[in-house]
C-alpha atoms as a PDB file:
ATOM      1  CA  MET A   1     -27.753  -5.737  27.341  1.00  0.00           C
ATOM      2  CA  ASP A   2     -26.764  -2.460  25.665  1.00  0.00           C
ATOM      3  CA  ALA A   3     -26.735  -0.738  29.066  1.00  0.00           C
ATOM      4  CA  GLU A   4     -24.509  -3.451  30.532  1.00  0.00           C
ATOM      5  CA  LEU A   5     -22.015  -3.114  27.665  1.00  0.00           C
ATOM      6  CA  PHE A   6     -21.988   0.704  27.514  1.00  0.00           C
ATOM      7  CA  GLY A   7     -18.419   1.996  27.478  1.00  0.00           C
ATOM      8  CA  SER A   8     -16.916  -1.488  26.981  1.00  0.00           C
ATOM      9  CA  ASP A   9     -15.101  -3.056  24.020  1.00  0.00           C
ATOM     10  CA  TRP A  10     -18.066  -5.318  23.298  1.00  0.00           C
ATOM     11  CA  VAL A  11     -21.311  -5.030  21.360  1.00  0.00           C
ATOM     12  CA  TRP A  12     -24.396  -7.263  21.340  1.00  0.00           C
ATOM     13  CA  PHE A  13     -26.350  -8.405  18.304  1.00  0.00           C
ATOM     14  CA  GLY A  14     -29.484 -10.277  19.262  1.00  0.00           C
ATOM     15  CA  LYS A  15     -32.811 -11.528  17.992  1.00  0.00           C
ATOM     16  CA  ASP A  16     -35.657 -12.402  20.349  1.00  0.00           C
ATOM     17  CA  ARG A  17     -38.008 -15.310  19.756  1.00  0.00           C
ATOM     18  CA  MET A  18     -41.406 -14.118  18.578  1.00  0.00           C
ATOM     19  CA  GLU A  19     -44.468 -14.673  20.748  1.00  0.00           C
ATOM     20  CA  ARG A  20     -42.357 -16.046  23.571  1.00  0.00           C
ATOM     21  CA  LYS A  21     -40.794 -14.382  26.570  1.00  0.00           C
ATOM     22  CA  GLY A  22     -37.072 -15.070  26.870  1.00  0.00           C
ATOM     23  CA  GLY A  23     -34.735 -17.023  24.645  1.00  0.00           C
ATOM     24  CA  GLY A  24     -33.554 -16.095  21.181  1.00  0.00           C
ATOM     25  CA  LEU A  25     -30.241 -15.804  19.342  1.00  0.00           C
ATOM     26  CA  GLY A  26     -27.322 -13.497  19.911  1.00  0.00           C
ATOM     27  CA  PHE A  27     -23.656 -12.672  19.312  1.00  0.00           C
ATOM     28  CA  LEU A  28     -21.356 -10.874  21.746  1.00  0.00           C
ATOM     29  CA  ALA A  29     -18.564  -9.447  19.607  1.00  0.00           C
ATOM     30  CA  LYS A  30     -15.556  -7.221  20.080  1.00  0.00           C
ATOM     31  CA  LYS A  31     -15.910  -3.815  18.468  1.00  0.00           C
ATOM     32  CA  SER A  32     -12.382  -4.128  17.076  1.00  0.00           C
ATOM     33  CA  LEU A  33     -13.652  -6.907  14.786  1.00  0.00           C
ATOM     34  CA  LYS A  34     -15.969  -4.405  13.059  1.00  0.00           C
ATOM     35  CA  PRO A  35     -19.030  -6.646  13.519  1.00  0.00           C
ATOM     36  CA  ARG A  36     -22.186  -6.057  11.525  1.00  0.00           C
ATOM     37  CA  LEU A  37     -25.286  -7.929  10.413  1.00  0.00           C
ATOM     38  CA  PRO A  38     -24.827  -8.632   6.675  1.00  0.00           C
ATOM     39  CA  LYS A  39     -28.409  -9.709   6.004  1.00  0.00           C
ATOM     40  CA  PRO A  40     -31.781 -10.038   7.706  1.00  0.00           C
ATOM     41  CA  GLY A  41     -32.985 -13.491   8.560  1.00  0.00           C
ATOM     42  CA  GLN A  42     -35.826 -15.385  10.060  1.00  0.00           C
ATOM     43  CA  GLU A  43     -36.355 -15.987  13.758  1.00  0.00           C
ATOM     44  CA  SER A  44     -34.086 -19.040  13.966  1.00  0.00           C
ATOM     45  CA  ILE A  45     -31.074 -17.715  11.993  1.00  0.00           C
ATOM     46  CA  LEU A  46     -28.688 -14.849  12.676  1.00  0.00           C
ATOM     47  CA  TRP A  47     -25.683 -13.984  10.470  1.00  0.00           C
ATOM     48  CA  LEU A  48     -22.758 -11.884  11.700  1.00  0.00           C
ATOM     49  CA  GLU A  49     -19.854 -10.510   9.649  1.00  0.00           C
ATOM     50  CA  VAL A  50     -16.538  -9.784  11.392  1.00  0.00           C
ATOM     51  CA  GLU A  51     -13.055  -8.868  10.175  1.00  0.00           C
ATOM     52  CA  PHE A  52      -9.990 -10.732  11.400  1.00  0.00           C
ATOM     53  CA  CYS A  53      -7.306 -11.486   8.815  1.00  0.00           C
ATOM     54  CA  GLY A  54     -10.086 -11.195   6.253  1.00  0.00           C
ATOM     55  CA  LYS A  55     -13.844 -11.456   6.488  1.00  0.00           C
ATOM     56  CA  TRP A  56     -15.637 -14.152   8.492  1.00  0.00           C
ATOM     57  CA  TYR A  57     -19.332 -14.935   8.222  1.00  0.00           C
ATOM     58  CA  LEU A  58     -20.835 -16.648  11.253  1.00  0.00           C
ATOM     59  CA  GLY A  59     -24.249 -18.242  10.947  1.00  0.00           C
ATOM     60  CA  LEU A  60     -26.034 -18.879  14.252  1.00  0.00           C
ATOM     61  CA  ILE A  61     -28.963 -21.305  14.161  1.00  0.00           C
ATOM     62  CA  TYR A  62     -31.525 -22.715  16.552  1.00  0.00           C
ATOM     63  CA  LEU A  63     -33.818 -25.592  15.642  1.00  0.00           C
ATOM     64  CA  VAL A  64     -36.814 -25.631  17.985  1.00  0.00           C
ATOM     65  CA  PRO A  65     -37.427 -29.215  19.172  1.00  0.00           C
ATOM     66  CA  SER A  66     -41.213 -28.944  18.889  1.00  0.00           C
ATOM     67  CA  ALA A  67     -41.197 -27.471  15.360  1.00  0.00           C
ATOM     68  CA  LEU A  68     -42.428 -29.521  12.415  1.00  0.00           C
ATOM     69  CA  ILE A  69     -39.754 -31.258  10.349  1.00  0.00           C
ATOM     70  CA  ALA A  70     -40.775 -29.178   7.316  1.00  0.00           C
ATOM     71  CA  SER A  71     -40.044 -26.005   9.291  1.00  0.00           C
ATOM     72  CA  LYS A  72     -36.632 -27.313  10.334  1.00  0.00           C
ATOM     73  CA  MET A  73     -35.738 -28.244   6.760  1.00  0.00           C
ATOM     74  CA  ALA A  74     -36.776 -24.758   5.617  1.00  0.00           C
ATOM     75  CA  ILE A  75     -34.345 -23.270   8.139  1.00  0.00           C
ATOM     76  CA  LEU A  76     -31.560 -25.530   6.852  1.00  0.00           C
ATOM     77  CA  SER A  77     -32.392 -24.468   3.303  1.00  0.00           C
ATOM     78  CA  GLU A  78     -32.083 -20.805   4.257  1.00  0.00           C
ATOM     79  CA  ILE A  79     -28.774 -21.357   6.051  1.00  0.00           C
ATOM     80  CA  ARG A  80     -27.466 -23.098   2.935  1.00  0.00           C
ATOM     81  CA  GLN A  81     -28.433 -20.094   0.837  1.00  0.00           C
ATOM     82  CA  GLY A  82     -26.368 -17.952   3.187  1.00  0.00           C
ATOM     83  CA  ILE A  83     -23.421 -20.330   2.861  1.00  0.00           C
ATOM     84  CA  VAL A  84     -23.526 -19.998  -0.929  1.00  0.00           C
ATOM     85  CA  GLU A  85     -23.840 -16.200  -0.708  1.00  0.00           C
ATOM     86  CA  PHE A  86     -20.911 -15.691   1.667  1.00  0.00           C
ATOM     87  CA  SER A  87     -18.513 -18.439   0.546  1.00  0.00           C
ATOM     88  CA  GLY A  88     -17.015 -16.223  -2.148  1.00  0.00           C
ATOM     89  CA  LYS A  89     -16.549 -13.310   0.237  1.00  0.00           C
ATOM     90  CA  GLY A  90     -14.735 -14.873   3.197  1.00  0.00           C
ATOM     91  CA  LYS A  91     -14.595 -17.802   5.591  1.00  0.00           C
ATOM     92  CA  VAL A  92     -17.888 -19.289   6.764  1.00  0.00           C
ATOM     93  CA  LEU A  93     -18.713 -20.941  10.076  1.00  0.00           C
ATOM     94  CA  VAL A  94     -22.124 -22.228  11.143  1.00  0.00           C
ATOM     95  CA  LEU A  95     -22.886 -22.963  14.784  1.00  0.00           C
ATOM     96  CA  GLY A  96     -25.754 -23.299  17.202  1.00  0.00           C
ATOM     97  CA  ASP A  97     -28.210 -25.566  18.970  1.00  0.00           C
ATOM     98  CA  PHE A  98     -29.450 -28.031  16.363  1.00  0.00           C
ATOM     99  CA  ASN A  99     -31.336 -30.356  18.725  1.00  0.00           C
ATOM    100  CA  ALA A 100     -30.159 -33.146  16.434  1.00  0.00           C
ATOM    101  CA  ARG A 101     -28.028 -36.121  17.445  1.00  0.00           C
ATOM    102  CA  MET A 102     -25.499 -37.602  15.035  1.00  0.00           C
ATOM    103  CA  GLY A 103     -23.584 -40.196  17.040  1.00  0.00           C
ATOM    104  CA  ASP A 104     -20.446 -41.257  15.144  1.00  0.00           C
ATOM    105  CA  LEU A 105     -21.800 -40.366  11.696  1.00  0.00           C
ATOM    106  CA  PRO A 106     -18.875 -39.349   9.463  1.00  0.00           C
ATOM    107  CA  ASN A 107     -18.858 -36.265   7.307  1.00  0.00           C
ATOM    108  CA  SER A 108     -19.415 -37.338   3.691  1.00  0.00           C
ATOM    109  CA  LEU A 109     -18.280 -34.812   1.087  1.00  0.00           C
ATOM    110  CA  ASN A 110     -18.440 -34.855  -2.702  1.00  0.00           C
ATOM    111  CA  LEU A 111     -15.549 -32.510  -3.487  1.00  0.00           C
ATOM    112  CA  LEU A 112     -15.391 -33.321  -7.204  1.00  0.00           C
ATOM    113  CA  SER A 113     -18.332 -32.905  -9.533  1.00  0.00           C
ATOM    114  CA  GLY A 114     -19.501 -36.286 -10.755  1.00  0.00           C
ATOM    115  CA  SER A 115     -17.427 -38.234  -8.243  1.00  0.00           C
ATOM    116  CA  GLN A 116     -19.106 -41.480  -7.250  1.00  0.00           C
ATOM    117  CA  VAL A 117     -17.036 -41.995  -4.094  1.00  0.00           C
ATOM    118  CA  PRO A 118     -17.385 -39.357  -1.343  1.00  0.00           C
ATOM    119  CA  LEU A 119     -14.551 -38.213   0.882  1.00  0.00           C
ATOM    120  CA  LEU A 120     -15.269 -39.376   4.436  1.00  0.00           C
ATOM    121  CA  VAL A 121     -14.068 -37.394   7.446  1.00  0.00           C
ATOM    122  CA  ALA A 122     -14.392 -39.651  10.474  1.00  0.00           C
ATOM    123  CA  ARG A 123     -15.904 -38.581  13.791  1.00  0.00           C
ATOM    124  CA  THR A 124     -16.168 -40.110  17.247  1.00  0.00           C
ATOM    125  CA  SER A 125     -18.635 -39.065  19.927  1.00  0.00           C
ATOM    126  CA  ARG A 126     -19.643 -39.880  23.489  1.00  0.00           C
ATOM    127  CA  ASP A 127     -23.232 -39.508  22.294  1.00  0.00           C
ATOM    128  CA  GLN A 128     -23.905 -42.691  20.339  1.00  0.00           C
ATOM    129  CA  LYS A 129     -27.505 -41.969  19.349  1.00  0.00           C
ATOM    130  CA  VAL A 130     -28.323 -40.975  15.773  1.00  0.00           C
ATOM    131  CA  SER A 131     -31.681 -39.282  15.267  1.00  0.00           C
ATOM    132  CA  SER A 132     -33.590 -38.936  12.023  1.00  0.00           C
ATOM    133  CA  LEU A 133     -33.089 -35.169  12.126  1.00  0.00           C
ATOM    134  CA  GLY A 134     -29.376 -35.709  12.793  1.00  0.00           C
ATOM    135  CA  ARG A 135     -29.010 -37.636   9.527  1.00  0.00           C
ATOM    136  CA  LYS A 136     -30.875 -34.904   7.634  1.00  0.00           C
ATOM    137  CA  VAL A 137     -28.767 -32.094   9.120  1.00  0.00           C
ATOM    138  CA  MET A 138     -25.507 -33.925   8.408  1.00  0.00           C
ATOM    139  CA  ALA A 139     -26.476 -34.658   4.801  1.00  0.00           C
ATOM    140  CA  SER A 140     -27.742 -31.122   4.178  1.00  0.00           C
ATOM    141  CA  LEU A 141     -24.699 -29.245   5.490  1.00  0.00           C
ATOM    142  CA  ASN A 142     -22.181 -31.744   4.067  1.00  0.00           C
ATOM    143  CA  GLU A 143     -23.805 -31.176   0.679  1.00  0.00           C
ATOM    144  CA  ALA A 144     -23.247 -27.440   1.205  1.00  0.00           C
ATOM    145  CA  GLY A 145     -19.524 -28.110   1.712  1.00  0.00           C
ATOM    146  CA  LEU A 146     -19.432 -27.850   5.514  1.00  0.00           C
ATOM    147  CA  VAL A 147     -17.722 -30.277   7.903  1.00  0.00           C
ATOM    148  CA  LEU A 148     -19.062 -30.975  11.393  1.00  0.00           C
ATOM    149  CA  LEU A 149     -16.112 -30.343  13.717  1.00  0.00           C
ATOM    150  CA  ASN A 150     -17.538 -31.993  16.843  1.00  0.00           C
ATOM    151  CA  GLY A 151     -15.742 -35.334  17.005  1.00  0.00           C
ATOM    152  CA  VAL A 152     -13.109 -34.682  14.306  1.00  0.00           C
ATOM    153  CA  GLY A 153      -9.630 -35.491  15.597  1.00  0.00           C
ATOM    154  CA  GLU A 154     -10.851 -36.207  19.125  1.00  0.00           C
ATOM    155  CA  MET A 155     -14.040 -37.508  20.694  1.00  0.00           C
ATOM    156  CA  ALA A 156     -17.011 -35.133  20.794  1.00  0.00           C
ATOM    157  CA  GLU A 157     -17.864 -34.264  24.386  1.00  0.00           C
ATOM    158  CA  PHE A 158     -21.408 -33.871  25.694  1.00  0.00           C
ATOM    159  CA  THR A 159     -22.687 -30.316  25.224  1.00  0.00           C
ATOM    160  CA  THR A 160     -25.704 -30.596  27.525  1.00  0.00           C
ATOM    161  CA  LEU A 161     -26.395 -31.862  31.039  1.00  0.00           C
ATOM    162  CA  GLY A 162     -28.597 -34.503  29.421  1.00  0.00           C
ATOM    163  CA  ASP A 163     -25.541 -36.239  27.921  1.00  0.00           C
ATOM    164  CA  THR A 164     -26.180 -35.263  24.311  1.00  0.00           C
ATOM    165  CA  VAL A 165     -24.111 -33.583  21.600  1.00  0.00           C
ATOM    166  CA  ILE A 166     -26.437 -31.039  19.986  1.00  0.00           C
ATOM    167  CA  ASP A 167     -24.464 -27.751  20.158  1.00  0.00           C
ATOM    168  CA  LEU A 168     -22.484 -28.003  16.947  1.00  0.00           C
ATOM    169  CA  ILE A 169     -19.855 -26.076  14.995  1.00  0.00           C
ATOM    170  CA  TRP A 170     -19.362 -26.483  11.238  1.00  0.00           C
ATOM    171  CA  ALA A 171     -16.573 -25.147   8.996  1.00  0.00           C
ATOM    172  CA  GLN A 172     -15.920 -25.147   5.275  1.00  0.00           C
ATOM    173  CA  SER A 173     -14.095 -28.253   4.069  1.00  0.00           C
ATOM    174  CA  GLY A 174     -11.255 -26.068   2.758  1.00  0.00           C
ATOM    175  CA  ASP A 175     -10.512 -24.883   6.309  1.00  0.00           C
ATOM    176  CA  LEU A 176     -10.270 -28.377   7.789  1.00  0.00           C
ATOM    177  CA  ASN A 177      -6.451 -28.302   7.823  1.00  0.00           C
ATOM    178  CA  ALA A 178      -6.507 -25.113   9.900  1.00  0.00           C
ATOM    179  CA  PHE A 179      -8.781 -26.665  12.539  1.00  0.00           C
ATOM    180  CA  GLU A 180      -6.911 -27.549  15.738  1.00  0.00           C
ATOM    181  CA  GLN A 181      -9.382 -28.530  18.437  1.00  0.00           C
ATOM    182  CA  LEU A 182     -12.898 -28.190  19.780  1.00  0.00           C
ATOM    183  CA  SER A 183     -13.421 -27.805  23.516  1.00  0.00           C
ATOM    184  CA  VAL A 184     -16.427 -27.801  25.841  1.00  0.00           C
ATOM    185  CA  MET A 185     -16.492 -25.837  29.102  1.00  0.00           C
ATOM    186  CA  GLU A 186     -18.980 -27.015  31.699  1.00  0.00           C
ATOM    187  CA  ASP A 187     -21.367 -24.585  33.373  1.00  0.00           C
ATOM    188  CA  GLU A 188     -20.340 -24.846  37.019  1.00  0.00           C
ATOM    189  CA  ASP A 189     -23.051 -22.425  38.186  1.00  0.00           C
ATOM    190  CA  GLY A 190     -25.846 -24.538  36.752  1.00  0.00           C
ATOM    191  CA  VAL A 191     -27.696 -21.649  35.116  1.00  0.00           C
ATOM    192  CA  SER A 192     -28.363 -23.617  31.927  1.00  0.00           C
ATOM    193  CA  ASP A 193     -29.070 -27.176  30.824  1.00  0.00           C
ATOM    194  CA  HIS A 194     -26.313 -26.667  28.214  1.00  0.00           C
ATOM    195  CA  HIS A 195     -22.619 -26.503  28.995  1.00  0.00           C
ATOM    196  CA  PHE A 196     -21.302 -22.989  29.204  1.00  0.00           C
ATOM    197  CA  LEU A 197     -19.119 -22.801  26.118  1.00  0.00           C
ATOM    198  CA  VAL A 198     -18.335 -24.807  23.003  1.00  0.00           C
ATOM    199  CA  THR A 199     -15.356 -23.354  21.133  1.00  0.00           C
ATOM    200  CA  ALA A 200     -13.395 -24.250  18.002  1.00  0.00           C
ATOM    201  CA  THR A 201      -9.760 -23.214  17.544  1.00  0.00           C
ATOM    202  CA  PHE A 202      -8.211 -22.537  14.142  1.00  0.00           C
ATOM    203  CA  LYS A 203      -4.593 -21.878  13.228  1.00  0.00           C
ATOM    204  CA  LEU A 204      -4.251 -19.108  10.691  1.00  0.00           C
ATOM    205  CA  ALA A 205      -1.402 -19.136   8.202  1.00  0.00           C
ATOM    206  CA  ASP A 206       1.171 -16.352   8.278  1.00  0.00           C
ATOM    207  CA  THR A 207      -0.173 -15.122   4.954  1.00  0.00           C
ATOM    208  CA  ASP A 208      -3.582 -14.733   6.614  1.00  0.00           C
ATOM    209  CA  VAL A 209      -2.150 -12.802   9.553  1.00  0.00           C
ATOM    210  CA  ARG A 210       0.195 -10.483   7.657  1.00  0.00           C
ATOM    211  CA  PRO A 211      -1.059 -10.067   4.113  1.00  0.00           C
ATOM    212  CA  GLN A 212       1.508  -8.449   1.820  1.00  0.00           C
ATOM    213  CA  PRO A 213       0.150  -6.331  -1.045  1.00  0.00           C
ATOM    214  CA  VAL A 214       1.534  -7.109  -4.496  1.00  0.00           C
ATOM    215  CA  ARG A 215       2.282  -4.103  -6.676  1.00  0.00           C
ATOM    216  CA  ALA A 216       3.304  -4.096 -10.333  1.00  0.00           C
ATOM    217  CA  GLU A 217       3.728  -0.784 -12.097  1.00  0.00           C
ATOM    218  CA  HIS A 218       2.315  -0.635 -15.615  1.00  0.00           C
ATOM    219  CA  GLN A 219       1.502  -4.334 -15.488  1.00  0.00           C
ATOM    220  CA  GLN A 220      -1.479  -6.422 -14.568  1.00  0.00           C
ATOM    221  CA  VAL A 221      -1.828 -10.130 -13.902  1.00  0.00           C
ATOM    222  CA  ARG A 222      -4.209 -11.947 -16.210  1.00  0.00           C
ATOM    223  CA  TRP A 223      -4.658 -15.328 -17.850  1.00  0.00           C
ATOM    224  CA  ASN A 224      -1.733 -15.751 -20.224  1.00  0.00           C
ATOM    225  CA  VAL A 225      -2.946 -17.454 -23.386  1.00  0.00           C
ATOM    226  CA  LYS A 226       0.666 -18.041 -24.499  1.00  0.00           C
ATOM    227  CA  SER A 227       1.173 -20.412 -21.529  1.00  0.00           C
ATOM    228  CA  ARG A 228      -1.628 -22.716 -22.672  1.00  0.00           C
ATOM    229  CA  GLY A 229       0.913 -25.208 -24.024  1.00  0.00           C
ATOM    230  CA  ASN A 230       2.808 -25.263 -20.745  1.00  0.00           C
ATOM    231  CA  LEU A 231      -0.445 -25.634 -18.864  1.00  0.00           C
ATOM    232  CA  MET A 232      -1.660 -28.571 -20.937  1.00  0.00           C
ATOM    233  CA  ALA A 233       1.741 -30.281 -20.787  1.00  0.00           C
ATOM    234  CA  GLY A 234       2.555 -29.657 -17.148  1.00  0.00           C
ATOM    235  CA  TRP A 235      -0.768 -29.963 -15.324  1.00  0.00           C
ATOM    236  CA  THR A 236      -1.638 -33.286 -13.769  1.00  0.00           C
ATOM    237  CA  PRO A 237      -4.928 -34.055 -12.039  1.00  0.00           C
ATOM    238  CA  PRO A 238      -4.731 -34.213  -8.231  1.00  0.00           C
ATOM    239  CA  LYS A 239      -4.517 -37.593  -6.559  1.00  0.00           C
ATOM    240  CA  ILE A 240      -7.661 -38.212  -4.529  1.00  0.00           C
ATOM    241  CA  VAL A 241      -7.286 -40.313  -1.401  1.00  0.00           C
ATOM    242  CA  HIS A 242     -10.545 -41.747  -0.140  1.00  0.00           C
ATOM    243  CA  GLY A 243     -10.934 -42.970   3.382  1.00  0.00           C
ATOM    244  CA  ASN A 244     -12.634 -42.423   6.683  1.00  0.00           C
ATOM    245  CA  THR A 245      -9.726 -40.833   8.548  1.00  0.00           C
ATOM    246  CA  ARG A 246      -8.664 -37.257   9.081  1.00  0.00           C
ATOM    247  CA  ALA A 247      -5.241 -38.121   7.634  1.00  0.00           C
ATOM    248  CA  GLY A 248      -6.946 -39.184   4.409  1.00  0.00           C
ATOM    249  CA  ALA A 249      -8.880 -35.921   4.257  1.00  0.00           C
ATOM    250  CA  GLU A 250      -5.718 -33.893   4.860  1.00  0.00           C
ATOM    251  CA  SER A 251      -3.829 -35.812   2.185  1.00  0.00           C
ATOM    252  CA  THR A 252      -6.595 -35.192  -0.345  1.00  0.00           C
ATOM    253  CA  TRP A 253      -6.695 -31.489   0.468  1.00  0.00           C
ATOM    254  CA  ASP A 254      -2.891 -31.117   0.243  1.00  0.00           C
ATOM    255  CA  CYS A 255      -2.829 -32.834  -3.156  1.00  0.00           C
ATOM    256  CA  TRP A 256      -5.672 -30.691  -4.443  1.00  0.00           C
ATOM    257  CA  LEU A 257      -4.087 -27.461  -3.165  1.00  0.00           C
ATOM    258  CA  ASP A 258      -0.720 -28.301  -4.743  1.00  0.00           C
ATOM    259  CA  SER A 259      -2.448 -29.023  -8.051  1.00  0.00           C
ATOM    260  CA  MET A 260      -4.279 -25.694  -7.983  1.00  0.00           C
ATOM    261  CA  LYS A 261      -1.052 -23.830  -7.194  1.00  0.00           C
ATOM    262  CA  ARG A 262       0.666 -25.476 -10.157  1.00  0.00           C
ATOM    263  CA  THR A 263      -2.249 -24.496 -12.365  1.00  0.00           C
ATOM    264  CA  VAL A 264      -1.940 -20.855 -11.320  1.00  0.00           C
ATOM    265  CA  GLU A 265       1.820 -20.836 -11.830  1.00  0.00           C
ATOM    266  CA  LEU A 266       1.483 -22.311 -15.331  1.00  0.00           C
ATOM    267  CA  GLY A 267      -1.511 -20.341 -16.471  1.00  0.00           C
ATOM    268  CA  LEU A 268      -1.031 -16.843 -15.093  1.00  0.00           C
ATOM    269  CA  GLY A 269       1.334 -14.239 -16.461  1.00  0.00           C
ATOM    270  CA  HIS A 270       1.945 -10.518 -16.697  1.00  0.00           C
ATOM    271  CA  ALA A 271       0.599  -8.464 -19.584  1.00  0.00           C
ATOM    272  CA  PRO A 272       1.235  -4.795 -20.314  1.00  0.00           C
ATOM    273  CA  THR A 273      -1.376  -2.318 -19.188  1.00  0.00           C
ATOM    274  CA  HIS A 274      -2.865  -0.200 -21.985  1.00  0.00           C
ATOM    275  CA  GLU A 275      -3.032   3.438 -20.945  1.00  0.00           C
ATOM    276  CA  ALA A 276      -5.825   5.576 -22.239  1.00  0.00           C
END
């Protein structure tokens, strides 16, 4: 692969399957995205870091159909550790061949600690079968704060020639509003039993595309203890809208985001910088 890409704008990051000829995991990335491998992983997981309007961490996963369920759950546990590690550093996407079928199972998210009623993000799919592994994968990654995008907003198309939906893309719940569509491109040449490409499209905000640095001479922004009264008087808890529609999820996120912005405006202030 390196020889094929020599002199091009692309670079390959791959991991072969042990004790088996052929197969494995891999990313083909543009050099302009400054791709790198942020951490080593086991045979079935590959993480890639790229830069585009900030850092993105892409977790690629493959669950071998013949593997024991304990092995598959161990892989999910490791991918969740990566999600926790990278969530504070940039945006996180997880994708790959999960060999798990989820039918119309909705995403079920507990966004508030102690909340008894989860936020449901509805899905529809041409693949109506729900496997035992599919339920486990959905529960595990929803608990880690990820939303399965296949079937959100529009029906999930088959990703294999066997009429199943097993090639999946997951995003953080906070990025759900930026998600636009997921598309599947069929493999017309018939070189694989999977369709050629499954892609997710996100719309980035202008602030993501053109970040403007904020400069303040001889001042620094910090928590302003004098605004505590304003904070306590002016802050109201966000209104949570529960439901099994995307509109409900968007409404909940908008309310939560507005509440957080008000909190920042009330609680942050400028304080003089002490020079040594």
